[in-house]
Amino acid sequence: MEWYRSVFQEDEWEINDLIEQEQKLAVRYTGWMTYKGGWFNIPSENQRVKETGLMIFYFRGGKVKELWCENSDAAILFDLGALQQNTHKTF
C-alpha cells in the first residue's frame, strides 16, 4: 500500500454500488488520482487518471476469508501512454 500511495497521490474515491448477499459483499468503485511516476518506468507528467473496479469480499466468522478484485489497470496504462490501442505492444 505504501508503494501505491507514492505512485498515485491526491486520490479521491467513490463507492458506486454496495451489494450484500448472504456471506458476500460486492463493492463497485471509482477513483481519481494523480500519477507521480514509479510504475513500470512510465514517466510522470502529473497525469490525472481514473480507476474503476469491483471487489467481492467473502466473510466467514465475521472476518474476510477471501477477496476477488477486478480493476482497470490496463485502461490506466493506456491513459499514461504505456499501451498502444488495439495492440499487445507495451511501453
PDB file of N, CA and C in Angstrom:
ATOM      1  N   MET A   1       0.821  -1.189   0.000  1.00  0.00           N
ATOM      2  CA  MET A   1       0.000   0.000   0.000  1.00  0.00           C
ATOM      3  C   MET A   1       0.870   1.259   0.000  1.00  0.00           C
ATOM      4  N   GLU A   2       1.998   1.191   0.659  1.00  0.00           N
ATOM      5  CA  GLU A   2       2.912   2.334   0.700  1.00  0.00           C
ATOM      6  C   GLU A   2       3.393   2.689  -0.706  1.00  0.00           C
ATOM      7  N   TRP A   3       3.731   1.661  -1.495  1.00  0.00           N
ATOM      8  CA  TRP A   3       4.170   1.894  -2.874  1.00  0.00           C
ATOM      9  C   TRP A   3       3.057   2.579  -3.672  1.00  0.00           C
ATOM     10  N   TYR A   4       1.831   2.061  -3.564  1.00  0.00           N
ATOM     11  CA  TYR A   4       0.701   2.610  -4.309  1.00  0.00           C
ATOM     12  C   TYR A   4       0.517   4.093  -3.993  1.00  0.00           C
ATOM     13  N   ARG A   5       0.603   4.436  -2.721  1.00  0.00           N
ATOM     14  CA  ARG A   5       0.399   5.829  -2.311  1.00  0.00           C
ATOM     15  C   ARG A   5       1.530   6.743  -2.770  1.00  0.00           C
ATOM     16  N   SER A   6       2.708   6.180  -3.033  1.00  0.00           N
ATOM     17  CA  SER A   6       3.796   7.015  -3.552  1.00  0.00           C
ATOM     18  C   SER A   6       3.661   7.232  -5.061  1.00  0.00           C
ATOM     19  N   VAL A   7       3.068   6.268  -5.749  1.00  0.00           N
ATOM     20  CA  VAL A   7       2.900   6.333  -7.206  1.00  0.00           C
ATOM     21  C   VAL A   7       1.646   7.122  -7.590  1.00  0.00           C
ATOM     22  N   PHE A   8       0.560   6.903  -6.870  1.00  0.00           N
ATOM     23  CA  PHE A   8      -0.719   7.579  -7.132  1.00  0.00           C
ATOM     24  C   PHE A   8      -1.084   8.414  -5.910  1.00  0.00           C
ATOM     25  N   GLN A   9      -1.124   9.722  -6.101  1.00  0.00           N
ATOM     26  CA  GLN A   9      -1.383  10.626  -4.978  1.00  0.00           C
ATOM     27  C   GLN A   9      -2.610  11.485  -5.263  1.00  0.00           C
ATOM     28  N   GLU A  10      -3.001  12.254  -4.266  1.00  0.00           N
ATOM     29  CA  GLU A  10      -4.160  13.153  -4.382  1.00  0.00           C
ATOM     30  C   GLU A  10      -5.386  12.368  -4.839  1.00  0.00           C
ATOM     31  N   ASP A  11      -5.602  11.221  -4.193  1.00  0.00           N
ATOM     32  CA  ASP A  11      -6.679  10.336  -4.621  1.00  0.00           C
ATOM     33  C   ASP A  11      -8.018  10.705  -3.998  1.00  0.00           C
ATOM     34  N   GLU A  12      -9.067  10.445  -4.775  1.00  0.00           N
ATOM     35  CA  GLU A  12     -10.456  10.630  -4.359  1.00  0.00           C
ATOM     36  C   GLU A  12     -11.203   9.371  -4.768  1.00  0.00           C
ATOM     37  N   TRP A  13     -12.027   8.830  -3.865  1.00  0.00           N
ATOM     38  CA  TRP A  13     -12.724   7.572  -4.134  1.00  0.00           C
ATOM     39  C   TRP A  13     -14.226   7.739  -3.957  1.00  0.00           C
ATOM     40  N   GLU A  14     -14.952   6.988  -4.766  1.00  0.00           N
ATOM     41  CA  GLU A  14     -16.410   6.997  -4.700  1.00  0.00           C
ATOM     42  C   GLU A  14     -16.891   5.553  -4.751  1.00  0.00           C
ATOM     43  N   ILE A  15     -17.787   5.198  -3.862  1.00  0.00           N
ATOM     44  CA  ILE A  15     -18.411   3.875  -3.917  1.00  0.00           C
ATOM     45  C   ILE A  15     -19.665   4.016  -4.762  1.00  0.00           C
ATOM     46  N   ASN A  16     -19.706   3.286  -5.871  1.00  0.00           N
ATOM     47  CA  ASN A  16     -20.837   3.370  -6.790  1.00  0.00           C
ATOM     48  C   ASN A  16     -21.962   2.418  -6.405  1.00  0.00           C
ATOM     49  N   ASP A  17     -21.603   1.227  -5.931  1.00  0.00           N
ATOM     50  CA  ASP A  17     -22.598   0.230  -5.526  1.00  0.00           C
ATOM     51  C   ASP A  17     -22.059  -0.607  -4.386  1.00  0.00           C
ATOM     52  N   LEU A  18     -22.926  -0.955  -3.457  1.00  0.00           N
ATOM     53  CA  LEU A  18     -22.658  -1.934  -2.405  1.00  0.00           C
ATOM     54  C   LEU A  18     -23.790  -2.947  -2.465  1.00  0.00           C
ATOM     55  N   ILE A  19     -23.456  -4.202  -2.686  1.00  0.00           N
ATOM     56  CA  ILE A  19     -24.477  -5.241  -2.776  1.00  0.00           C
ATOM     57  C   ILE A  19     -24.087  -6.364  -1.825  1.00  0.00           C
ATOM     58  N   GLU A  20     -24.983  -6.662  -0.891  1.00  0.00           N
ATOM     59  CA  GLU A  20     -24.726  -7.708   0.096  1.00  0.00           C
ATOM     60  C   GLU A  20     -25.659  -8.883  -0.169  1.00  0.00           C
ATOM     61  N   GLN A  21     -25.095 -10.079  -0.148  1.00  0.00           N
ATOM     62  CA  GLN A  21     -25.895 -11.284  -0.336  1.00  0.00           C
ATOM     63  C   GLN A  21     -25.263 -12.400   0.484  1.00  0.00           C
ATOM     64  N   GLU A  22     -25.991 -12.864   1.474  1.00  0.00           N
ATOM     65  CA  GLU A  22     -25.516 -13.911   2.376  1.00  0.00           C
ATOM     66  C   GLU A  22     -24.151 -13.538   2.947  1.00  0.00           C
ATOM     67  N   GLN A  23     -23.112 -14.276   2.620  1.00  0.00           N
ATOM     68  CA  GLN A  23     -21.786 -14.030   3.198  1.00  0.00           C
ATOM     69  C   GLN A  23     -20.869 -13.237   2.267  1.00  0.00           C
ATOM     70  N   LYS A  24     -21.432 -12.624   1.240  1.00  0.00           N
ATOM     71  CA  LYS A  24     -20.617 -11.874   0.281  1.00  0.00           C
ATOM     72  C   LYS A  24     -21.046 -10.413   0.238  1.00  0.00           C
ATOM     73  N   LEU A  25     -20.062  -9.571  -0.029  1.00  0.00           N
ATOM     74  CA  LEU A  25     -20.294  -8.146  -0.219  1.00  0.00           C
ATOM     75  C   LEU A  25     -19.572  -7.727  -1.490  1.00  0.00           C
ATOM     76  N   ALA A  26     -20.301  -7.129  -2.423  1.00  0.00           N
ATOM     77  CA  ALA A  26     -19.708  -6.630  -3.668  1.00  0.00           C
ATOM     78  C   ALA A  26     -19.647  -5.104  -3.594  1.00  0.00           C
ATOM     79  N   VAL A  27     -18.497  -4.563  -3.976  1.00  0.00           N
ATOM     80  CA  VAL A  27     -18.288  -3.112  -3.964  1.00  0.00           C
ATOM     81  C   VAL A  27     -17.789  -2.695  -5.343  1.00  0.00           C
ATOM     82  N   ARG A  28     -18.555  -1.841  -6.019  1.00  0.00           N
ATOM     83  CA  ARG A  28     -18.104  -1.257  -7.291  1.00  0.00           C
ATOM     84  C   ARG A  28     -17.668   0.162  -6.978  1.00  0.00           C
ATOM     85  N   TYR A  29     -16.473   0.529  -7.448  1.00  0.00           N
ATOM     86  CA  TYR A  29     -15.899   1.816  -7.054  1.00  0.00           C
ATOM     87  C   TYR A  29     -15.275   2.547  -8.236  1.00  0.00           C
ATOM     88  N   THR A  30     -15.070   3.842  -8.034  1.00  0.00           N
ATOM     89  CA  THR A  30     -14.351   4.696  -8.976  1.00  0.00           C
ATOM     90  C   THR A  30     -13.387   5.555  -8.166  1.00  0.00           C
ATOM     91  N   GLY A  31     -12.175   5.695  -8.678  1.00  0.00           N
ATOM     92  CA  GLY A  31     -11.193   6.546  -8.010  1.00  0.00           C
ATOM     93  C   GLY A  31     -10.466   7.417  -9.020  1.00  0.00           C
ATOM     94  N   TRP A  32     -10.117   8.606  -8.603  1.00  0.00           N
ATOM     95  CA  TRP A  32      -9.330   9.532  -9.417  1.00  0.00           C
ATOM     96  C   TRP A  32      -8.063   9.843  -8.644  1.00  0.00           C
ATOM     97  N   MET A  33      -6.926   9.841  -9.321  1.00  0.00           N
ATOM     98  CA  MET A  33      -5.667  10.107  -8.645  1.00  0.00           C
ATOM     99  C   MET A  33      -4.671  10.719  -9.609  1.00  0.00           C
ATOM    100  N   THR A  34      -3.590  11.281  -9.060  1.00  0.00           N
ATOM    101  CA  THR A  34      -2.533  11.883  -9.860  1.00  0.00           C
ATOM    102  C   THR A  34      -1.350  10.933  -9.893  1.00  0.00           C
ATOM    103  N   TYR A  35      -0.903  10.594 -11.112  1.00  0.00           N
ATOM    104  CA  TYR A  35       0.231   9.687 -11.284  1.00  0.00           C
ATOM    105  C   TYR A  35       1.527  10.460 -11.086  1.00  0.00           C
ATOM    106  N   LYS A  36       2.381   9.966 -10.163  1.00  0.00           N
ATOM    107  CA  LYS A  36       3.628  10.651  -9.821  1.00  0.00           C
ATOM    108  C   LYS A  36       4.870   9.914 -10.308  1.00  0.00           C
ATOM    109  N   GLY A  37       4.687   8.805 -11.036  1.00  0.00           N
ATOM    110  CA  GLY A  37       5.834   8.045 -11.531  1.00  0.00           C
ATOM    111  C   GLY A  37       6.153   6.853 -10.646  1.00  0.00           C
ATOM    112  N   GLY A  38       6.897   5.894 -11.230  1.00  0.00           N
ATOM    113  CA  GLY A  38       7.320   4.733 -10.471  1.00  0.00           C
ATOM    114  C   GLY A  38       6.587   3.448 -10.798  1.00  0.00           C
ATOM    115  N   TRP A  39       5.790   3.453 -11.865  1.00  0.00           N
ATOM    116  CA  TRP A  39       5.047   2.249 -12.256  1.00  0.00           C
ATOM    117  C   TRP A  39       5.556   1.823 -13.628  1.00  0.00           C
ATOM    118  N   PHE A  40       6.226   0.682 -13.711  1.00  0.00           N
ATOM    119  CA  PHE A  40       6.781   0.150 -14.963  1.00  0.00           C
ATOM    120  C   PHE A  40       7.653   1.172 -15.698  1.00  0.00           C
ATOM    121  N   ASN A  41       8.334   2.025 -14.988  1.00  0.00           N
ATOM    122  CA  ASN A  41       9.200   3.060 -15.580  1.00  0.00           C
ATOM    123  C   ASN A  41       8.457   4.018 -16.513  1.00  0.00           C
ATOM    124  N   ILE A  42       7.168   4.173 -16.315  1.00  0.00           N
ATOM    125  CA  ILE A  42       6.385   5.116 -17.116  1.00  0.00           C
ATOM    126  C   ILE A  42       6.661   6.522 -16.585  1.00  0.00           C
ATOM    127  N   PRO A  43       7.115   7.436 -17.443  1.00  0.00           N
ATOM    128  CA  PRO A  43       7.401   8.789 -16.965  1.00  0.00           C
ATOM    129  C   PRO A  43       6.135   9.499 -16.475  1.00  0.00           C
ATOM    130  N   SER A  44       6.321  10.332 -15.481  1.00  0.00           N
ATOM    131  CA  SER A  44       5.194  11.066 -14.912  1.00  0.00           C
ATOM    132  C   SER A  44       5.127  12.475 -15.477  1.00  0.00           C
ATOM    133  N   GLU A  45       3.925  12.874 -15.804  1.00  0.00           N
ATOM    134  CA  GLU A  45       3.645  14.259 -16.171  1.00  0.00           C
ATOM    135  C   GLU A  45       2.530  14.774 -15.272  1.00  0.00           C
ATOM    136  N   ASN A  46       2.457  14.184 -14.064  1.00  0.00           N
ATOM    137  CA  ASN A  46       1.391  14.508 -13.106  1.00  0.00           C
ATOM    138  C   ASN A  46       0.007  14.339 -13.728  1.00  0.00           C
ATOM    139  N   GLN A  47      -0.158  13.241 -14.486  1.00  0.00           N
ATOM    140  CA  GLN A  47      -1.428  12.982 -15.147  1.00  0.00           C
ATOM    141  C   GLN A  47      -2.493  12.583 -14.125  1.00  0.00           C
ATOM    142  N   ARG A  48      -3.680  13.084 -14.341  1.00  0.00           N
ATOM    143  CA  ARG A  48      -4.829  12.679 -13.537  1.00  0.00           C
ATOM    144  C   ARG A  48      -5.428  11.466 -14.233  1.00  0.00           C
ATOM    145  N   VAL A  49      -5.597  10.360 -13.510  1.00  0.00           N
ATOM    146  CA  VAL A  49      -6.131   9.133 -14.098  1.00  0.00           C
ATOM    147  C   VAL A  49      -7.326   8.654 -13.286  1.00  0.00           C
ATOM    148  N   LYS A  50      -8.117   7.789 -13.922  1.00  0.00           N
ATOM    149  CA  LYS A  50      -9.311   7.241 -13.283  1.00  0.00           C
ATOM    150  C   LYS A  50      -9.185   5.728 -13.212  1.00  0.00           C
ATOM    151  N   GLU A  51      -9.487   5.168 -12.050  1.00  0.00           N
ATOM    152  CA  GLU A  51      -9.530   3.713 -11.873  1.00  0.00           C
ATOM    153  C   GLU A  51     -10.955   3.318 -11.525  1.00  0.00           C
ATOM    154  N   THR A  52     -11.417   2.242 -12.133  1.00  0.00           N
ATOM    155  CA  THR A  52     -12.699   1.665 -11.753  1.00  0.00           C
ATOM    156  C   THR A  52     -12.459   0.219 -11.373  1.00  0.00           C
ATOM    157  N   GLY A  53     -13.336  -0.314 -10.567  1.00  0.00           N
ATOM    158  CA  GLY A  53     -13.137  -1.701 -10.183  1.00  0.00           C
ATOM    159  C   GLY A  53     -14.311  -2.280  -9.423  1.00  0.00           C
ATOM    160  N   LEU A  54     -14.176  -3.571  -9.165  1.00  0.00           N
ATOM    161  CA  LEU A  54     -15.174  -4.332  -8.430  1.00  0.00           C
ATOM    162  C   LEU A  54     -14.438  -5.253  -7.474  1.00  0.00           C
ATOM    163  N   MET A  55     -14.823  -5.208  -6.214  1.00  0.00           N
ATOM    164  CA  MET A  55     -14.242  -6.091  -5.207  1.00  0.00           C
ATOM    165  C   MET A  55     -15.369  -6.924  -4.605  1.00  0.00           C
ATOM    166  N   ILE A  56     -15.118  -8.214  -4.450  1.00  0.00           N
ATOM    167  CA  ILE A  56     -16.085  -9.097  -3.804  1.00  0.00           C
ATOM    168  C   ILE A  56     -15.414  -9.709  -2.584  1.00  0.00           C
ATOM    169  N   PHE A  57     -16.007  -9.478  -1.438  1.00  0.00           N
ATOM    170  CA  PHE A  57     -15.497  -9.993  -0.170  1.00  0.00           C
ATOM    171  C   PHE A  57     -16.339 -11.187   0.260  1.00  0.00           C
ATOM    172  N   TYR A  58     -15.689 -12.242   0.735  1.00  0.00           N
ATOM    173  CA  TYR A  58     -16.379 -13.401   1.303  1.00  0.00           C
ATOM    174  C   TYR A  58     -16.064 -13.442   2.792  1.00  0.00           C
ATOM    175  N   PHE A  59     -17.097 -13.412   3.612  1.00  0.00           N
ATOM    176  CA  PHE A  59     -16.943 -13.387   5.065  1.00  0.00           C
ATOM    177  C   PHE A  59     -17.287 -14.750   5.669  1.00  0.00           C
ATOM    178  N   ARG A  60     -16.526 -15.123   6.683  1.00  0.00           N
ATOM    179  CA  ARG A  60     -16.844 -16.311   7.480  1.00  0.00           C
ATOM    180  C   ARG A  60     -16.409 -16.010   8.914  1.00  0.00           C
ATOM    181  N   GLY A  61     -17.303 -16.234   9.849  1.00  0.00           N
ATOM    182  CA  GLY A  61     -16.993 -15.959  11.246  1.00  0.00           C
ATOM    183  C   GLY A  61     -16.724 -14.493  11.520  1.00  0.00           C
ATOM    184  N   GLY A  62     -17.354 -13.610  10.748  1.00  0.00           N
ATOM    185  CA  GLY A  62     -17.183 -12.182  10.957  1.00  0.00           C
ATOM    186  C   GLY A  62     -15.890 -11.610  10.404  1.00  0.00           C
ATOM    187  N   LYS A  63     -15.129 -12.423   9.665  1.00  0.00           N
ATOM    188  CA  LYS A  63     -13.856 -11.966   9.094  1.00  0.00           C
ATOM    189  C   LYS A  63     -13.832 -12.206   7.589  1.00  0.00           C
ATOM    190  N   VAL A  64     -13.062 -11.381   6.878  1.00  0.00           N
ATOM    191  CA  VAL A  64     -12.883 -11.578   5.439  1.00  0.00           C
ATOM    192  C   VAL A  64     -11.995 -12.802   5.246  1.00  0.00           C
ATOM    193  N   LYS A  65     -12.512 -13.796   4.532  1.00  0.00           N
ATOM    194  CA  LYS A  65     -11.758 -15.023   4.271  1.00  0.00           C
ATOM    195  C   LYS A  65     -11.221 -15.082   2.848  1.00  0.00           C
ATOM    196  N   GLU A  66     -11.917 -14.421   1.918  1.00  0.00           N
ATOM    197  CA  GLU A  66     -11.465 -14.371   0.527  1.00  0.00           C
ATOM    198  C   GLU A  66     -11.827 -13.010  -0.052  1.00  0.00           C
ATOM    199  N   LEU A  67     -11.046 -12.613  -1.049  1.00  0.00           N
ATOM    200  CA  LEU A  67     -11.289 -11.337  -1.729  1.00  0.00           C
ATOM    201  C   LEU A  67     -10.962 -11.514  -3.202  1.00  0.00           C
ATOM    202  N   TRP A  68     -11.884 -11.102  -4.060  1.00  0.00           N
ATOM    203  CA  TRP A  68     -11.653 -11.086  -5.504  1.00  0.00           C
ATOM    204  C   TRP A  68     -11.710  -9.630  -5.944  1.00  0.00           C
ATOM    205  N   CYS A  69     -10.825  -9.261  -6.853  1.00  0.00           N
ATOM    206  CA  CYS A  69     -10.766  -7.866  -7.292  1.00  0.00           C
ATOM    207  C   CYS A  69     -10.481  -7.799  -8.791  1.00  0.00           C
ATOM    208  N   GLU A  70     -11.243  -7.005  -9.487  1.00  0.00           N
ATOM    209  CA  GLU A  70     -11.013  -6.696 -10.900  1.00  0.00           C
ATOM    210  C   GLU A  70     -10.954  -5.181 -11.007  1.00  0.00           C
ATOM    211  N   ASN A  71      -9.916  -4.673 -11.685  1.00  0.00           N
ATOM    212  CA  ASN A  71      -9.834  -3.221 -11.825  1.00  0.00           C
ATOM    213  C   ASN A  71      -9.335  -2.838 -13.213  1.00  0.00           C
ATOM    214  N   SER A  72      -9.257  -1.551 -13.427  1.00  0.00           N
ATOM    215  CA  SER A  72      -8.985  -1.009 -14.761  1.00  0.00           C
ATOM    216  C   SER A  72      -7.514  -0.643 -14.962  1.00  0.00           C
ATOM    217  N   ASP A  73      -6.593  -1.456 -14.456  1.00  0.00           N
ATOM    218  CA  ASP A  73      -5.163  -1.155 -14.622  1.00  0.00           C
ATOM    219  C   ASP A  73      -4.772  -0.988 -16.087  1.00  0.00           C
ATOM    220  N   ALA A  74      -5.322  -1.810 -16.979  1.00  0.00           N
ATOM    221  CA  ALA A  74      -4.975  -1.702 -18.402  1.00  0.00           C
ATOM    222  C   ALA A  74      -5.408  -0.344 -18.962  1.00  0.00           C
ATOM    223  N   ALA A  75      -6.567   0.142 -18.550  1.00  0.00           N
ATOM    224  CA  ALA A  75      -7.032   1.458 -19.010  1.00  0.00           C
ATOM    225  C   ALA A  75      -6.120   2.568 -18.490  1.00  0.00           C
ATOM    226  N   ILE A  76      -5.640   2.423 -17.261  1.00  0.00           N
ATOM    227  CA  ILE A  76      -4.717   3.422 -16.706  1.00  0.00           C
ATOM    228  C   ILE A  76      -3.404   3.396 -17.481  1.00  0.00           C
ATOM    229  N   LEU A  77      -2.893   2.202 -17.768  1.00  0.00           N
ATOM    230  CA  LEU A  77      -1.661   2.085 -18.557  1.00  0.00           C
ATOM    231  C   LEU A  77      -1.831   2.745 -19.923  1.00  0.00           C
ATOM    232  N   PHE A  78      -2.982   2.553 -20.547  1.00  0.00           N
ATOM    233  CA  PHE A  78      -3.267   3.190 -21.838  1.00  0.00           C
ATOM    234  C   PHE A  78      -3.282   4.714 -21.686  1.00  0.00           C
ATOM    235  N   ASP A  79      -3.970   5.210 -20.659  1.00  0.00           N
ATOM    236  CA  ASP A  79      -4.041   6.661 -20.434  1.00  0.00           C
ATOM    237  C   ASP A  79      -2.664   7.274 -20.202  1.00  0.00           C
ATOM    238  N   LEU A  80      -1.763   6.506 -19.597  1.00  0.00           N
ATOM    239  CA  LEU A  80      -0.411   7.002 -19.321  1.00  0.00           C
ATOM    240  C   LEU A  80       0.522   6.844 -20.518  1.00  0.00           C
ATOM    241  N   GLY A  81       0.016   6.250 -21.611  1.00  0.00           N
ATOM    242  CA  GLY A  81       0.820   6.094 -22.816  1.00  0.00           C
ATOM    243  C   GLY A  81       1.681   4.849 -22.844  1.00  0.00           C
ATOM    244  N   ALA A  82       1.459   3.921 -21.914  1.00  0.00           N
ATOM    245  CA  ALA A  82       2.277   2.710 -21.842  1.00  0.00           C
ATOM    246  C   ALA A  82       1.751   1.586 -22.727  1.00  0.00           C
ATOM    247  N   LEU A  83       0.519   1.675 -23.178  1.00  0.00           N
ATOM    248  CA  LEU A  83      -0.070   0.681 -24.080  1.00  0.00           C
ATOM    249  C   LEU A  83      -0.580   1.391 -25.320  1.00  0.00           C
ATOM    250  N   GLN A  84      -0.438   0.720 -26.453  1.00  0.00           N
ATOM    251  CA  GLN A  84      -0.995   1.259 -27.683  1.00  0.00           C
ATOM    252  C   GLN A  84      -2.359   0.630 -27.905  1.00  0.00           C
ATOM    253  N   GLN A  85      -3.271   1.386 -28.458  1.00  0.00           N
ATOM    254  CA  GLN A  85      -4.621   0.900 -28.681  1.00  0.00           C
ATOM    255  C   GLN A  85      -4.626  -0.256 -29.675  1.00  0.00           C
ATOM    256  N   ASN A  86      -5.396  -1.290 -29.354  1.00  0.00           N
ATOM    257  CA  ASN A  86      -5.609  -2.457 -30.219  1.00  0.00           C
ATOM    258  C   ASN A  86      -4.324  -3.211 -30.558  1.00  0.00           C
ATOM    259  N   THR A  87      -3.352  -3.204 -29.668  1.00  0.00           N
ATOM    260  CA  THR A  87      -2.130  -3.984 -29.867  1.00  0.00           C
ATOM    261  C   THR A  87      -1.758  -4.643 -28.550  1.00  0.00           C
ATOM    262  N   HIS A  88      -0.746  -5.463 -28.600  1.00  0.00           N
ATOM    263  CA  HIS A  88      -0.202  -6.055 -27.381  1.00  0.00           C
ATOM    264  C   HIS A  88       1.179  -5.479 -27.089  1.00  0.00           C
ATOM    265  N   LYS A  89       1.529  -4.394 -27.768  1.00  0.00           N
ATOM    266  CA  LYS A  89       2.828  -3.761 -27.549  1.00  0.00           C
ATOM    267  C   LYS A  89       2.781  -2.930 -26.274  1.00  0.00           C
ATOM    268  N   THR A  90       3.876  -2.951 -25.540  1.00  0.00           N
ATOM    269  CA  THR A  90       3.950  -2.173 -24.307  1.00  0.00           C
ATOM    270  C   THR A  90       5.003  -1.098 -24.419  1.00  0.00           C
ATOM    271  N   PHE A  91       5.024  -0.233 -23.470  1.00  0.00           N
ATOM    272  CA  PHE A  91       5.915   0.924 -23.384  1.00  0.00           C
ATOM    273  C   PHE A  91       7.353   0.548 -23.615  1.00  0.00           C
TER     274      PHE A  91
END
